[in-house]
Amino acid sequence: MKRERGRRGRKRVCSFCVDKAVAIDYKETSKLRKYVTERGKILPRRISGNCAHHQRMLTSAIKRSRNIALLPFSTEA
């Protein structure tokens, strides 16, 4: 009897590479909200499916929008 080890799904594709995005705008909060959890944490690359280049750009855009109060740092608990 062979048992399957681990569950490997399909590799997610970077949505920014598909759209051929050159830069990620920190003012587009609707797009940035998809990559932030309810608790206010930034989703990691392995979950969001972004490439390393766009994940770094996304992280800095989220941090910028938090600093000028477009996105919250965390929810009130």
Protein backbone atom coordinates (compact mmCIF):
# COMPACT_ATOMS: atom_id res chain seq x y z
CA MET A 1 0.00 0.00 0.00
CA LYS A 2 1.44 3.30 -1.10
CA ARG A 3 0.54 6.44 0.79
CA GLU A 4 0.72 9.86 -0.74
CA ARG A 5 3.21 12.09 1.01
CA GLY A 6 2.19 15.70 1.34
CA ARG A 7 -0.33 17.44 -0.78
CA ARG A 8 1.17 19.42 -3.62
CA GLY A 9 -1.24 21.66 -5.42
CA ARG A 10 -0.66 23.71 -8.51
CA LYS A 11 1.98 26.42 -8.32
CA ARG A 12 0.29 29.80 -8.09
CA VAL A 13 1.21 32.36 -10.73
CA CYS A 14 2.27 35.88 -9.84
CA SER A 15 -0.70 38.12 -10.62
CA PHE A 16 1.56 41.12 -11.17
CA CYS A 17 3.66 39.26 -13.77
CA VAL A 18 0.47 38.23 -15.58
CA ASP A 19 -0.66 41.89 -15.70
CA LYS A 20 2.90 42.94 -16.69
CA ALA A 21 2.96 45.46 -13.83
CA VAL A 22 6.06 47.66 -13.77
CA ALA A 23 5.30 49.22 -10.39
CA ILE A 24 2.83 48.62 -7.58
CA ASP A 25 1.05 51.80 -6.49
CA TYR A 26 0.64 52.26 -2.75
CA LYS A 27 -2.54 54.31 -3.33
CA GLU A 28 -4.48 51.35 -4.78
CA THR A 29 -5.72 50.04 -1.45
CA SER A 30 -8.28 47.68 -2.99
CA LYS A 31 -5.50 45.76 -4.73
CA LEU A 32 -3.24 45.80 -1.66
CA ARG A 33 -5.99 44.56 0.68
CA LYS A 34 -5.97 41.17 -1.09
CA TYR A 35 -2.45 40.56 0.23
CA VAL A 36 -3.14 41.50 3.87
CA THR A 37 -4.91 39.23 6.40
CA GLU A 38 -7.78 40.33 8.63
CA ARG A 39 -5.26 40.73 11.43
CA GLY A 40 -3.18 43.11 9.31
CA LYS A 41 -0.32 40.76 8.43
CA ILE A 42 1.20 40.69 4.96
CA LEU A 43 0.68 37.34 3.24
CA PRO A 44 3.92 35.44 2.55
CA ARG A 45 5.10 34.62 -0.94
CA ARG A 46 4.32 30.92 -0.75
CA ILE A 47 0.65 31.69 -0.02
CA SER A 48 0.11 34.73 -2.23
CA GLY A 49 1.93 33.17 -5.19
CA ASN A 50 3.90 36.30 -6.07
CA CYS A 51 7.41 36.19 -7.47
CA ALA A 52 10.21 37.50 -5.25
CA HIS A 53 10.56 40.78 -7.15
CA HIS A 54 6.88 41.68 -6.93
CA GLN A 55 6.59 40.47 -3.32
CA ARG A 56 9.29 42.96 -2.28
CA MET A 57 7.51 45.74 -4.18
CA LEU A 58 4.18 44.73 -2.64
CA THR A 59 5.61 44.75 0.90
CA SER A 60 7.03 48.25 0.52
CA ALA A 61 3.77 49.50 -1.03
CA ILE A 62 1.74 48.08 1.88
CA LYS A 63 4.12 49.66 4.41
CA ARG A 64 3.89 53.03 2.65
CA SER A 65 0.10 52.97 2.59
CA ARG A 66 0.06 52.07 6.30
CA ASN A 67 2.31 55.02 7.14
CA ILE A 68 -0.03 57.53 5.49
CA ALA A 69 -3.11 55.79 7.00
CA LEU A 70 -4.60 54.30 3.83
CA LEU A 71 -4.35 50.81 5.33
CA PRO A 72 -4.58 49.94 9.03
CA PHE A 73 -1.59 48.45 10.86
CA SER A 74 -3.89 45.98 12.62
CA THR A 75 -7.51 45.47 13.57
CA GLU A 76 -8.73 46.45 17.00
CA ALA A 77 -8.86 43.40 19.23
